[in-house]
Amino acid sequence: MHMAKQMIDAYHNRELKKKRAQFLAHTFPLQGHQTRTIVLMAANLRGMHLVLNWACGCNALGIEDVRRDVLLITTDINAFHFASKAGFHALHPDLMGHAATNVPPAYEHEKMSGFNGAMASLWVVLAEMLKAGYTAMPMDADIVWLRDPRPWLHFHNSIVDAVSYTHLTLPTILLV
């Protein structure tokens, strides 16, 4: 199935949408005015070293354990299990309509195990989170934090484009 159609189908699939909403409500309960910022990342197994490097870098800067505020969008079961074992909240590939398949390590470098699907899924989940009242920050796994940007996000239903930093000090904030 073409990826764009798969994402549209997953977004409009009422059963999957309901399951994603339940997962989000259980994993990141909303309490009053939401000031906690959820960091969204997409990573396949091949990119998990980038996610771990980012989390370790945050820890080295004295930033609290960021794993509790991260939602990883995964497209293969290997990445899902790796992320879960590393202490991250990970969205199971089945919740985005991806077949939860094991990708043999020998083929990881050739297939990228669904990275494009993971990125498309990230935007589907982001739209659902904003609609539900979350504050979310989509981010590539290869971004480095020099400071924690989350305290700057005190806007209800904010998106921060973490790639659009101005001199690496202030993020661009888009209100939705």
Protein backbone atom coordinates (compact mmCIF):
# COMPACT_ATOMS: atom_id res chain seq x y z
CA MET A 1 0.00 0.00 0.00
CA HIS A 2 1.26 3.48 -0.82
CA MET A 3 2.57 5.21 2.33
CA ALA A 4 0.40 8.33 1.97
CA LYS A 5 -2.74 6.23 1.66
CA GLN A 6 -1.63 4.08 4.60
CA MET A 7 -1.22 7.18 6.80
CA ILE A 8 -4.57 8.62 5.71
CA ASP A 9 -6.25 5.28 6.40
CA ALA A 10 -4.56 5.00 9.80
CA TYR A 11 -5.60 8.56 10.69
CA HIS A 12 -9.24 7.95 9.76
CA ASN A 13 -9.46 4.40 11.11
CA ARG A 14 -11.74 4.83 14.13
CA GLU A 15 -10.52 1.71 15.89
CA LEU A 16 -6.84 2.67 15.56
CA LYS A 17 -7.59 6.28 16.50
CA LYS A 18 -9.41 5.11 19.63
CA LYS A 19 -6.53 2.79 20.58
CA ARG A 20 -3.98 5.60 20.09
CA ALA A 21 -6.10 7.95 22.21
CA GLN A 22 -6.29 5.33 24.97
CA PHE A 23 -2.53 4.79 24.80
CA LEU A 24 -1.87 8.53 25.06
CA ALA A 25 -4.35 9.00 27.93
CA HIS A 26 -2.77 6.13 29.85
CA THR A 27 0.85 7.07 29.07
CA PHE A 28 0.59 10.86 29.38
CA PRO A 29 -2.49 11.70 31.50
CA LEU A 30 -3.75 15.25 31.02
CA GLN A 31 -4.29 17.14 34.27
CA GLY A 32 -5.85 20.60 34.09
CA HIS A 33 -3.90 23.05 31.96
CA GLN A 34 -1.25 20.94 30.25
CA THR A 35 2.22 22.44 30.81
CA ARG A 36 4.20 19.23 30.34
CA THR A 37 5.73 19.08 26.88
CA ILE A 38 5.80 15.71 25.15
CA VAL A 39 8.75 15.25 22.80
CA LEU A 40 7.84 13.24 19.70
CA MET A 41 10.50 11.37 17.80
CA ALA A 42 10.39 8.82 15.01
CA ALA A 43 13.04 6.12 15.07
CA ASN A 44 13.56 2.73 13.56
CA LEU A 45 16.02 0.29 15.07
CA ARG A 46 18.82 1.75 13.00
CA GLY A 47 18.22 5.21 14.52
CA MET A 48 17.91 4.16 18.16
CA HIS A 49 21.58 4.99 18.84
CA LEU A 50 20.75 8.62 17.99
CA VAL A 51 17.88 8.64 20.49
CA LEU A 52 20.06 7.11 23.20
CA ASN A 53 22.86 9.57 22.44
CA TRP A 54 20.41 12.48 22.76
CA ALA A 55 19.08 11.18 26.11
CA CYS A 56 22.61 10.64 27.44
CA GLY A 57 23.58 14.15 26.29
CA CYS A 58 20.62 15.60 28.16
CA ASN A 59 21.63 13.65 31.25
CA ALA A 60 25.21 14.95 30.98
CA LEU A 61 23.84 18.52 30.94
CA GLY A 62 21.91 17.84 34.13
CA ILE A 63 18.53 17.78 32.40
CA GLU A 64 16.08 15.52 34.21
CA ASP A 65 15.43 12.07 32.78
CA VAL A 66 13.85 13.03 29.46
CA ARG A 67 12.61 9.52 28.72
CA ARG A 68 9.45 10.08 30.76
CA ASP A 69 8.41 12.90 28.38
CA VAL A 70 9.29 11.21 25.07
CA LEU A 71 7.00 9.33 22.72
CA LEU A 72 8.88 7.31 20.12
CA ILE A 73 7.04 6.42 16.94
CA THR A 74 8.36 3.07 15.72
CA THR A 75 7.56 1.10 12.56
CA ASP A 76 9.21 -2.19 13.38
CA ILE A 77 8.85 -4.45 16.37
CA ASN A 78 12.63 -4.50 16.96
CA ALA A 79 12.70 -0.74 17.47
CA PHE A 80 9.59 -0.91 19.65
CA HIS A 81 11.14 -3.50 22.00
CA PHE A 82 14.51 -1.72 22.08
CA ALA A 83 12.87 1.61 22.96
CA SER A 84 10.65 0.04 25.61
CA LYS A 85 13.58 -1.78 27.24
CA ALA A 86 15.57 1.49 27.25
CA GLY A 87 12.78 3.16 29.26
CA PHE A 88 11.11 5.19 26.52
CA HIS A 89 7.39 5.31 25.80
CA ALA A 90 6.99 3.78 22.35
CA LEU A 91 3.96 3.57 20.11
CA HIS A 92 3.49 0.01 18.90
CA PRO A 93 3.69 -0.21 15.09
CA ASP A 94 0.27 -1.88 14.94
CA LEU A 95 -1.34 1.33 16.23
CA MET A 96 -0.33 3.09 13.02
CA GLY A 97 -1.41 0.29 10.73
CA HIS A 98 2.17 -0.92 10.20
CA ALA A 99 2.68 -4.66 10.28
CA ALA A 100 4.76 -5.36 13.38
CA THR A 101 7.46 -7.36 11.66
CA ASN A 102 10.92 -8.35 12.71
CA VAL A 103 13.48 -6.82 10.37
CA PRO A 104 16.59 -9.02 10.22
CA PRO A 105 19.71 -7.02 11.18
CA ALA A 106 21.38 -7.92 7.88
CA TYR A 107 18.72 -5.89 6.04
CA GLU A 108 18.49 -2.90 8.36
CA HIS A 109 20.85 -0.79 6.24
CA GLU A 110 18.94 -1.46 3.01
CA LYS A 111 15.30 -1.12 4.00
CA MET A 112 15.65 1.53 6.72
CA SER A 113 12.84 -0.49 8.35
CA GLY A 114 10.14 2.02 7.66
CA PHE A 115 11.74 5.34 8.54
CA ASN A 116 9.58 7.27 6.08
CA GLY A 117 6.50 5.63 7.54
CA ALA A 118 7.66 6.56 11.02
CA MET A 119 8.06 10.20 10.05
CA ALA A 120 4.62 10.29 8.43
CA SER A 121 3.19 8.58 11.52
CA LEU A 122 4.76 11.22 13.74
CA TRP A 123 2.63 13.93 12.09
CA VAL A 124 -0.54 11.85 12.44
CA VAL A 125 0.12 11.36 16.16
CA LEU A 126 1.06 15.03 16.57
CA ALA A 127 -2.26 16.14 15.07
CA GLU A 128 -4.16 13.83 17.43
CA MET A 129 -2.17 15.01 20.45
CA LEU A 130 -2.79 18.68 19.71
CA LYS A 131 -6.48 18.03 19.20
CA ALA A 132 -6.58 16.26 22.59
CA GLY A 133 -4.92 19.23 24.35
CA TYR A 134 -1.30 18.13 24.65
CA THR A 135 1.72 20.38 24.22
CA ALA A 136 4.08 18.57 21.88
CA MET A 137 7.48 19.12 20.33
CA PRO A 138 8.33 17.02 17.26
CA MET A 139 12.04 16.50 16.97
CA ASP A 140 14.55 14.64 14.83
CA ALA A 141 16.64 12.11 16.72
CA ASP A 142 19.89 13.77 15.63
CA ILE A 143 19.17 17.10 17.35
CA VAL A 144 21.42 18.09 20.27
CA TRP A 145 20.06 20.11 23.16
CA LEU A 146 22.40 22.71 24.61
CA ARG A 147 19.66 23.66 27.08
CA ASP A 148 16.25 22.24 27.84
CA PRO A 149 13.75 24.02 25.53
CA ARG A 150 10.68 22.69 27.32
CA PRO A 151 10.43 25.49 29.93
CA TRP A 152 9.83 27.94 27.08
CA LEU A 153 6.70 26.06 26.10
CA HIS A 154 3.96 27.45 28.29
CA PHE A 155 1.44 27.80 25.49
CA HIS A 156 -1.56 25.50 25.31
CA ASN A 157 -1.45 23.32 22.16
CA SER A 158 1.98 24.51 21.05
CA ILE A 159 4.20 23.01 18.41
CA VAL A 160 7.88 23.71 18.40
CA ASP A 161 9.78 23.04 15.23
CA ALA A 162 12.99 21.89 16.89
CA VAL A 163 14.88 22.13 13.62
CA SER A 164 14.14 25.88 13.25
CA TYR A 165 16.36 27.24 15.99
CA THR A 166 17.49 30.84 15.80
CA HIS A 167 21.16 30.78 16.79
CA LEU A 168 20.40 27.66 18.88
CA THR A 169 18.84 29.76 21.66
CA LEU A 170 15.12 30.23 21.02
CA PRO A 171 12.88 27.79 19.16
CA THR A 172 10.29 28.93 16.65
CA ILE A 173 6.88 28.48 18.26
CA LEU A 174 3.85 27.88 16.11
CA LEU A 175 0.47 28.09 17.84
CA VAL A 176 -2.20 25.79 16.52
